[in-house]
PDB file of N, CA and C in Angstrom:
ATOM      1  N   UNK A   1     -74.536  20.915  73.759  1.00  0.00           N
ATOM      2  CA  UNK A   1     -73.129  21.495  73.988  1.00  0.00           C
ATOM      3  C   UNK A   1     -73.038  21.113  75.636  1.00  0.00           C
ATOM      4  N   UNK A   2     -71.944  20.517  76.181  1.00  0.00           N
ATOM      5  CA  UNK A   2     -71.813  20.279  77.510  1.00  0.00           C
ATOM      6  C   UNK A   2     -70.939  21.357  78.021  1.00  0.00           C
ATOM      7  N   UNK A   3     -71.324  22.204  78.759  1.00  0.00           N
ATOM      8  CA  UNK A   3     -70.525  23.218  79.528  1.00  0.00           C
ATOM      9  C   UNK A   3     -69.915  22.865  80.874  1.00  0.00           C
ATOM     10  N   UNK A   4     -68.895  23.240  80.853  1.00  0.00           N
ATOM     11  CA  UNK A   4     -68.194  23.149  82.454  1.00  0.00           C
ATOM     12  C   UNK A   4     -67.700  24.213  83.051  1.00  0.00           C
ATOM     13  N   UNK A   5     -67.489  24.310  84.239  1.00  0.00           N
ATOM     14  CA  UNK A   5     -66.930  25.376  85.146  1.00  0.00           C
ATOM     15  C   UNK A   5     -65.638  24.871  85.569  1.00  0.00           C
ATOM     16  N   UNK A   6     -64.574  25.251  84.990  1.00  0.00           N
ATOM     17  CA  UNK A   6     -63.168  24.603  85.347  1.00  0.00           C
ATOM     18  C   UNK A   6     -62.279  25.636  85.590  1.00  0.00           C
ATOM     19  N   UNK A   7     -61.089  25.306  85.845  1.00  0.00           N
ATOM     20  CA  UNK A   7     -59.806  26.178  86.044  1.00  0.00           C
ATOM     21  C   UNK A   7     -58.915  26.063  84.783  1.00  0.00           C
ATOM     22  N   UNK A   8     -58.592  27.287  84.301  1.00  0.00           N
ATOM     23  CA  UNK A   8     -57.651  27.706  83.216  1.00  0.00           C
ATOM     24  C   UNK A   8     -56.301  28.224  83.935  1.00  0.00           C
ATOM     25  N   UNK A   9     -55.237  27.339  83.597  1.00  0.00           N
ATOM     26  CA  UNK A   9     -53.996  27.476  84.043  1.00  0.00           C
ATOM     27  C   UNK A   9     -53.377  28.782  83.438  1.00  0.00           C
ATOM     28  N   UNK A  10     -52.658  29.613  84.138  1.00  0.00           N
ATOM     29  CA  UNK A  10     -52.083  30.983  83.666  1.00  0.00           C
ATOM     30  C   UNK A  10     -50.941  30.829  84.482  1.00  0.00           C
ATOM     31  N   UNK A  11     -50.081  32.053  84.293  1.00  0.00           N
ATOM     32  CA  UNK A  11     -48.970  31.976  85.147  1.00  0.00           C
ATOM     33  C   UNK A  11     -47.630  31.399  84.524  1.00  0.00           C
ATOM     34  N   UNK A  12     -46.435  31.536  85.319  1.00  0.00           N
ATOM     35  CA  UNK A  12     -45.285  31.087  84.798  1.00  0.00           C
ATOM     36  C   UNK A  12     -44.779  29.755  85.341  1.00  0.00           C
ATOM     37  N   UNK A  13     -43.976  28.993  84.758  1.00  0.00           N
ATOM     38  CA  UNK A  13     -43.208  27.808  85.334  1.00  0.00           C
ATOM     39  C   UNK A  13     -43.179  27.798  86.823  1.00  0.00           C
ATOM     40  N   UNK A  14     -43.536  26.862  87.591  1.00  0.00           N
ATOM     41  CA  UNK A  14     -43.577  26.704  89.039  1.00  0.00           C
ATOM     42  C   UNK A  14     -44.351  28.026  89.662  1.00  0.00           C
ATOM     43  N   UNK A  15     -44.872  28.434  89.239  1.00  0.00           N
ATOM     44  CA  UNK A  15     -45.909  29.636  89.736  1.00  0.00           C
ATOM     45  C   UNK A  15     -47.180  29.689  89.028  1.00  0.00           C
ATOM     46  N   UNK A  16     -47.967  28.715  89.397  1.00  0.00           N
ATOM     47  CA  UNK A  16     -49.605  28.720  88.604  1.00  0.00           C
ATOM     48  C   UNK A  16     -50.230  29.587  89.301  1.00  0.00           C
ATOM     49  N   UNK A  17     -51.346  30.025  88.341  1.00  0.00           N
ATOM     50  CA  UNK A  17     -52.237  30.924  88.731  1.00  0.00           C
ATOM     51  C   UNK A  17     -53.492  30.406  87.733  1.00  0.00           C
ATOM     52  N   UNK A  18     -54.654  30.316  88.417  1.00  0.00           N
ATOM     53  CA  UNK A  18     -55.640  30.076  87.571  1.00  0.00           C
ATOM     54  C   UNK A  18     -56.813  30.891  87.656  1.00  0.00           C
ATOM     55  N   UNK A  19     -57.529  30.900  86.400  1.00  0.00           N
ATOM     56  CA  UNK A  19     -58.871  31.469  86.348  1.00  0.00           C
ATOM     57  C   UNK A  19     -59.827  30.521  86.296  1.00  0.00           C
ATOM     58  N   UNK A  20     -61.041  30.862  86.909  1.00  0.00           N
ATOM     59  CA  UNK A  20     -62.147  30.029  86.865  1.00  0.00           C
ATOM     60  C   UNK A  20     -63.098  30.262  85.778  1.00  0.00           C
ATOM     61  N   UNK A  21     -63.316  29.684  84.702  1.00  0.00           N
ATOM     62  CA  UNK A  21     -64.066  29.890  83.630  1.00  0.00           C
ATOM     63  C   UNK A  21     -65.029  28.953  83.300  1.00  0.00           C
ATOM     64  N   UNK A  22     -66.054  29.473  82.451  1.00  0.00           N
ATOM     65  CA  UNK A  22     -67.177  28.614  81.915  1.00  0.00           C
ATOM     66  C   UNK A  22     -66.703  28.314  80.480  1.00  0.00           C
ATOM     67  N   UNK A  23     -66.660  27.095  80.323  1.00  0.00           N
ATOM     68  CA  UNK A  23     -66.161  26.622  78.873  1.00  0.00           C
ATOM     69  C   UNK A  23     -66.783  25.528  78.238  1.00  0.00           C
ATOM     70  N   UNK A  24     -66.607  25.288  77.275  1.00  0.00           N
ATOM     71  CA  UNK A  24     -67.287  24.177  76.514  1.00  0.00           C
ATOM     72  C   UNK A  24     -66.405  22.824  76.859  1.00  0.00           C
ATOM     73  N   UNK A  25     -66.897  21.874  77.357  1.00  0.00           N
ATOM     74  CA  UNK A  25     -66.188  20.803  77.721  1.00  0.00           C
ATOM     75  C   UNK A  25     -65.305  19.987  76.739  1.00  0.00           C
ATOM     76  N   UNK A  26     -65.795  20.207  75.484  1.00  0.00           N
ATOM     77  CA  UNK A  26     -64.821  19.749  74.499  1.00  0.00           C
ATOM     78  C   UNK A  26     -63.830  20.496  73.975  1.00  0.00           C
ATOM     79  N   UNK A  27     -63.375  21.806  74.360  1.00  0.00           N
ATOM     80  CA  UNK A  27     -62.418  22.761  74.306  1.00  0.00           C
ATOM     81  C   UNK A  27     -60.959  22.262  75.284  1.00  0.00           C
ATOM     82  N   UNK A  28     -59.918  22.477  74.921  1.00  0.00           N
ATOM     83  CA  UNK A  28     -58.734  22.266  75.567  1.00  0.00           C
ATOM     84  C   UNK A  28     -58.789  23.212  76.862  1.00  0.00           C
ATOM     85  N   UNK A  29     -57.892  22.689  77.953  1.00  0.00           N
ATOM     86  CA  UNK A  29     -57.715  23.233  79.252  1.00  0.00           C
ATOM     87  C   UNK A  29     -57.712  24.769  79.140  1.00  0.00           C
ATOM     88  N   UNK A  30     -56.633  25.239  78.327  1.00  0.00           N
ATOM     89  CA  UNK A  30     -56.482  26.608  78.161  1.00  0.00           C
ATOM     90  C   UNK A  30     -56.822  27.235  76.833  1.00  0.00           C
ATOM     91  N   UNK A  31     -57.803  26.660  76.102  1.00  0.00           N
ATOM     92  CA  UNK A  31     -58.462  27.114  74.924  1.00  0.00           C
ATOM     93  C   UNK A  31     -59.403  28.192  75.303  1.00  0.00           C
ATOM     94  N   UNK A  32     -60.281  28.169  74.238  1.00  0.00           N
ATOM     95  CA  UNK A  32     -61.389  29.250  74.293  1.00  0.00           C
ATOM     96  C   UNK A  32     -62.363  29.016  75.472  1.00  0.00           C
ATOM     97  N   UNK A  33     -62.988  30.063  75.922  1.00  0.00           N
ATOM     98  CA  UNK A  33     -63.989  29.885  77.009  1.00  0.00           C
ATOM     99  C   UNK A  33     -65.110  30.882  76.800  1.00  0.00           C
ATOM    100  N   UNK A  34     -66.187  30.435  77.454  1.00  0.00           N
ATOM    101  CA  UNK A  34     -67.403  31.464  77.422  1.00  0.00           C
ATOM    102  C   UNK A  34     -67.396  32.713  78.099  1.00  0.00           C
ATOM    103  N   UNK A  35     -66.941  32.564  79.617  1.00  0.00           N
ATOM    104  CA  UNK A  35     -66.939  33.679  80.342  1.00  0.00           C
ATOM    105  C   UNK A  35     -66.043  33.283  81.521  1.00  0.00           C
ATOM    106  N   UNK A  36     -65.109  34.406  82.115  1.00  0.00           N
ATOM    107  CA  UNK A  36     -64.179  34.167  83.228  1.00  0.00           C
ATOM    108  C   UNK A  36     -65.241  34.624  84.557  1.00  0.00           C
ATOM    109  N   UNK A  37     -65.281  33.728  85.580  1.00  0.00           N
ATOM    110  CA  UNK A  37     -65.913  34.202  86.799  1.00  0.00           C
ATOM    111  C   UNK A  37     -65.139  34.204  88.098  1.00  0.00           C
ATOM    112  N   UNK A  38     -63.965  34.070  87.898  1.00  0.00           N
ATOM    113  CA  UNK A  38     -63.275  34.102  89.115  1.00  0.00           C
ATOM    114  C   UNK A  38     -61.864  33.820  88.993  1.00  0.00           C
ATOM    115  N   UNK A  39     -60.780  33.823  90.040  1.00  0.00           N
ATOM    116  CA  UNK A  39     -59.554  33.445  90.081  1.00  0.00           C
ATOM    117  C   UNK A  39     -59.166  32.559  91.108  1.00  0.00           C
ATOM    118  N   UNK A  40     -58.228  32.114  91.170  1.00  0.00           N
ATOM    119  CA  UNK A  40     -57.656  31.040  92.300  1.00  0.00           C
ATOM    120  C   UNK A  40     -55.963  30.911  92.099  1.00  0.00           C
ATOM    121  N   UNK A  41     -55.376  31.392  93.311  1.00  0.00           N
ATOM    122  CA  UNK A  41     -53.879  31.453  93.434  1.00  0.00           C
ATOM    123  C   UNK A  41     -53.526  30.522  94.493  1.00  0.00           C
ATOM    124  N   UNK A  42     -53.001  29.399  94.325  1.00  0.00           N
ATOM    125  CA  UNK A  42     -52.802  28.431  95.350  1.00  0.00           C
ATOM    126  C   UNK A  42     -51.890  28.861  96.152  1.00  0.00           C
ATOM    127  N   UNK A  43     -50.693  29.579  95.582  1.00  0.00           N
ATOM    128  CA  UNK A  43     -49.672  30.265  96.298  1.00  0.00           C
ATOM    129  C   UNK A  43     -49.916  31.053  97.779  1.00  0.00           C
ATOM    130  N   UNK A  44     -51.266  31.668  97.600  1.00  0.00           N
ATOM    131  CA  UNK A  44     -51.588  32.381  98.781  1.00  0.00           C
ATOM    132  C   UNK A  44     -51.935  31.520  99.925  1.00  0.00           C
ATOM    133  N   UNK A  45     -51.803  32.062 101.042  1.00  0.00           N
ATOM    134  CA  UNK A  45     -52.216  31.126 102.229  1.00  0.00           C
ATOM    135  C   UNK A  45     -53.697  31.484 102.735  1.00  0.00           C
ATOM    136  N   UNK A  46     -54.076  32.737 102.761  1.00  0.00           N
ATOM    137  CA  UNK A  46     -55.405  33.385 102.944  1.00  0.00           C
ATOM    138  C   UNK A  46     -56.101  33.921 101.797  1.00  0.00           C
ATOM    139  N   UNK A  47     -57.438  33.819 101.810  1.00  0.00           N
ATOM    140  CA  UNK A  47     -58.287  34.167 100.580  1.00  0.00           C
ATOM    141  C   UNK A  47     -57.618  34.116  99.229  1.00  0.00           C
ATOM    142  N   UNK A  48     -57.113  32.885  98.861  1.00  0.00           N
ATOM    143  CA  UNK A  48     -56.639  32.649  97.627  1.00  0.00           C
ATOM    144  C   UNK A  48     -57.429  32.371  96.559  1.00  0.00           C
ATOM    145  N   UNK A  49     -58.948  32.566  96.639  1.00  0.00           N
ATOM    146  CA  UNK A  49     -59.804  32.567  95.466  1.00  0.00           C
ATOM    147  C   UNK A  49     -60.805  33.613  95.667  1.00  0.00           C
ATOM    148  N   UNK A  50     -61.148  34.208  94.384  1.00  0.00           N
ATOM    149  CA  UNK A  50     -62.214  35.149  94.453  1.00  0.00           C
ATOM    150  C   UNK A  50     -63.233  34.662  93.349  1.00  0.00           C
ATOM    151  N   UNK A  51     -64.451  34.438  93.458  1.00  0.00           N
ATOM    152  CA  UNK A  51     -65.434  33.960  92.720  1.00  0.00           C
ATOM    153  C   UNK A  51     -66.866  34.698  92.657  1.00  0.00           C
ATOM    154  N   UNK A  52     -67.376  35.048  91.518  1.00  0.00           N
ATOM    155  CA  UNK A  52     -68.524  35.631  91.341  1.00  0.00           C
ATOM    156  C   UNK A  52     -69.708  34.550  91.558  1.00  0.00           C
ATOM    157  N   UNK A  53     -70.053  34.380  92.812  1.00  0.00           N
ATOM    158  CA  UNK A  53     -71.081  33.135  93.163  1.00  0.00           C
ATOM    159  C   UNK A  53     -72.299  33.385  92.488  1.00  0.00           C
ATOM    160  N   UNK A  54     -72.686  34.556  92.276  1.00  0.00           N
ATOM    161  CA  UNK A  54     -74.079  34.571  91.540  1.00  0.00           C
ATOM    162  C   UNK A  54     -74.160  34.201  90.082  1.00  0.00           C
ATOM    163  N   UNK A  55     -72.719  34.451  89.450  1.00  0.00           N
ATOM    164  CA  UNK A  55     -72.701  33.990  87.934  1.00  0.00           C
ATOM    165  C   UNK A  55     -72.591  32.706  88.040  1.00  0.00           C
ATOM    166  N   UNK A  56     -71.638  31.876  88.846  1.00  0.00           N
ATOM    167  CA  UNK A  56     -71.597  30.445  89.050  1.00  0.00           C
ATOM    168  C   UNK A  56     -72.989  29.762  89.344  1.00  0.00           C
ATOM    169  N   UNK A  57     -73.928  30.459  90.044  1.00  0.00           N
ATOM    170  CA  UNK A  57     -75.127  29.763  90.264  1.00  0.00           C
ATOM    171  C   UNK A  57     -75.927  29.852  89.105  1.00  0.00           C
ATOM    172  N   UNK A  58     -75.922  30.854  88.573  1.00  0.00           N
ATOM    173  CA  UNK A  58     -76.497  31.004  87.196  1.00  0.00           C
ATOM    174  C   UNK A  58     -76.323  30.176  86.297  1.00  0.00           C
ATOM    175  N   UNK A  59     -74.884  29.803  85.952  1.00  0.00           N
ATOM    176  CA  UNK A  59     -74.388  28.865  85.164  1.00  0.00           C
ATOM    177  C   UNK A  59     -74.638  27.386  85.427  1.00  0.00           C
ATOM    178  N   UNK A  60     -74.735  27.141  86.656  1.00  0.00           N
ATOM    179  CA  UNK A  60     -75.195  25.848  87.193  1.00  0.00           C
ATOM    180  C   UNK A  60     -76.578  25.543  86.952  1.00  0.00           C
ATOM    181  N   UNK A  61     -77.406  26.387  87.130  1.00  0.00           N
ATOM    182  CA  UNK A  61     -78.938  26.535  86.962  1.00  0.00           C
ATOM    183  C   UNK A  61     -79.091  26.123  85.370  1.00  0.00           C
ATOM    184  N   UNK A  62     -78.338  26.805  84.450  1.00  0.00           N
ATOM    185  CA  UNK A  62     -78.569  26.640  83.185  1.00  0.00           C
ATOM    186  C   UNK A  62     -77.980  25.099  82.570  1.00  0.00           C
ATOM    187  N   UNK A  63     -77.262  24.393  83.695  1.00  0.00           N
ATOM    188  CA  UNK A  63     -76.694  23.134  83.266  1.00  0.00           C
ATOM    189  C   UNK A  63     -75.185  22.856  83.159  1.00  0.00           C
ATOM    190  N   UNK A  64     -74.445  23.908  83.599  1.00  0.00           N
ATOM    191  CA  UNK A  64     -73.021  23.868  83.674  1.00  0.00           C
ATOM    192  C   UNK A  64     -72.491  22.994  84.554  1.00  0.00           C
ATOM    193  N   UNK A  65     -71.733  22.069  84.602  1.00  0.00           N
ATOM    194  CA  UNK A  65     -71.236  21.220  85.545  1.00  0.00           C
ATOM    195  C   UNK A  65     -69.702  21.787  86.068  1.00  0.00           C
ATOM    196  N   UNK A  66     -69.791  21.944  87.368  1.00  0.00           N
ATOM    197  CA  UNK A  66     -68.309  22.474  87.971  1.00  0.00           C
ATOM    198  C   UNK A  66     -67.344  21.326  88.164  1.00  0.00           C
ATOM    199  N   UNK A  67     -66.147  21.365  87.752  1.00  0.00           N
ATOM    200  CA  UNK A  67     -65.124  20.357  88.303  1.00  0.00           C
ATOM    201  C   UNK A  67     -65.084  20.202  89.648  1.00  0.00           C
ATOM    202  N   UNK A  68     -64.428  19.220  90.457  1.00  0.00           N
ATOM    203  CA  UNK A  68     -64.564  18.829  91.562  1.00  0.00           C
ATOM    204  C   UNK A  68     -63.717  20.172  92.498  1.00  0.00           C
ATOM    205  N   UNK A  69     -62.576  20.580  91.955  1.00  0.00           N
ATOM    206  CA  UNK A  69     -61.942  21.651  92.517  1.00  0.00           C
ATOM    207  C   UNK A  69     -62.984  22.845  92.561  1.00  0.00           C
ATOM    208  N   UNK A  70     -63.562  23.205  91.441  1.00  0.00           N
ATOM    209  CA  UNK A  70     -64.180  24.540  91.378  1.00  0.00           C
ATOM    210  C   UNK A  70     -65.408  24.406  92.239  1.00  0.00           C
ATOM    211  N   UNK A  71     -65.904  23.022  92.403  1.00  0.00           N
ATOM    212  CA  UNK A  71     -67.104  22.853  93.313  1.00  0.00           C
ATOM    213  C   UNK A  71     -66.624  23.087  94.824  1.00  0.00           C
ATOM    214  N   UNK A  72     -65.402  22.858  95.070  1.00  0.00           N
ATOM    215  CA  UNK A  72     -64.904  22.967  96.379  1.00  0.00           C
ATOM    216  C   UNK A  72     -64.720  24.259  96.743  1.00  0.00           C
ATOM    217  N   UNK A  73     -64.151  25.176  95.663  1.00  0.00           N
ATOM    218  CA  UNK A  73     -63.887  26.667  95.895  1.00  0.00           C
ATOM    219  C   UNK A  73     -65.263  27.341  96.143  1.00  0.00           C
ATOM    220  N   UNK A  74     -66.283  26.875  95.289  1.00  0.00           N
ATOM    221  CA  UNK A  74     -67.592  27.365  95.361  1.00  0.00           C
ATOM    222  C   UNK A  74     -68.120  27.197  96.680  1.00  0.00           C
ATOM    223  N   UNK A  75     -68.036  26.098  97.317  1.00  0.00           N
ATOM    224  CA  UNK A  75     -68.630  25.865  98.583  1.00  0.00           C
ATOM    225  C   UNK A  75     -67.849  26.680  99.685  1.00  0.00           C
ATOM    226  N   UNK A  76     -66.590  26.649  99.653  1.00  0.00           N
ATOM    227  CA  UNK A  76     -65.750  27.719 100.531  1.00  0.00           C
ATOM    228  C   UNK A  76     -66.298  29.249 100.421  1.00  0.00           C
ATOM    229  N   UNK A  77     -66.527  29.693  99.286  1.00  0.00           N
ATOM    230  CA  UNK A  77     -66.967  30.988  98.826  1.00  0.00           C
ATOM    231  C   UNK A  77     -68.269  31.231  99.368  1.00  0.00           C
ATOM    232  N   UNK A  78     -69.235  30.321  99.586  1.00  0.00           N
ATOM    233  CA  UNK A  78     -70.548  30.545  99.880  1.00  0.00           C
ATOM    234  C   UNK A  78     -70.616  30.683 101.373  1.00  0.00           C
ATOM    235  N   UNK A  79     -69.621  29.754 102.145  1.00  0.00           N
ATOM    236  CA  UNK A  79     -69.416  29.615 103.462  1.00  0.00           C
ATOM    237  C   UNK A  79     -69.027  31.063 103.985  1.00  0.00           C
ATOM    238  N   UNK A  80     -67.936  31.436 103.357  1.00  0.00           N
ATOM    239  CA  UNK A  80     -67.312  32.895 103.819  1.00  0.00           C
ATOM    240  C   UNK A  80     -68.122  34.013 103.565  1.00  0.00           C
ATOM    241  N   UNK A  81     -69.314  33.753 102.695  1.00  0.00           N
ATOM    242  CA  UNK A  81     -69.818  35.039 102.244  1.00  0.00           C
ATOM    243  C   UNK A  81     -71.302  35.360 103.239  1.00  0.00           C
TER     244      UNK A  81
END
């Protein structure tokens, strides 16, 4: 089973809000997921993401692959912590 750390879109039309989730890569974008590890709100100007870095690192050690956007958000979260 290939596991990915990716964004799950929520929110209304023209007002996206994302959850950062660990999911099977074969599942649809907004389908079932294993664990939610954070949030991302692109409409906010400052501090627009909140990620549990420890859980993300644990999943990466287990073999999960973060998407490009999630890896960018993780890098920013590590830098600010």
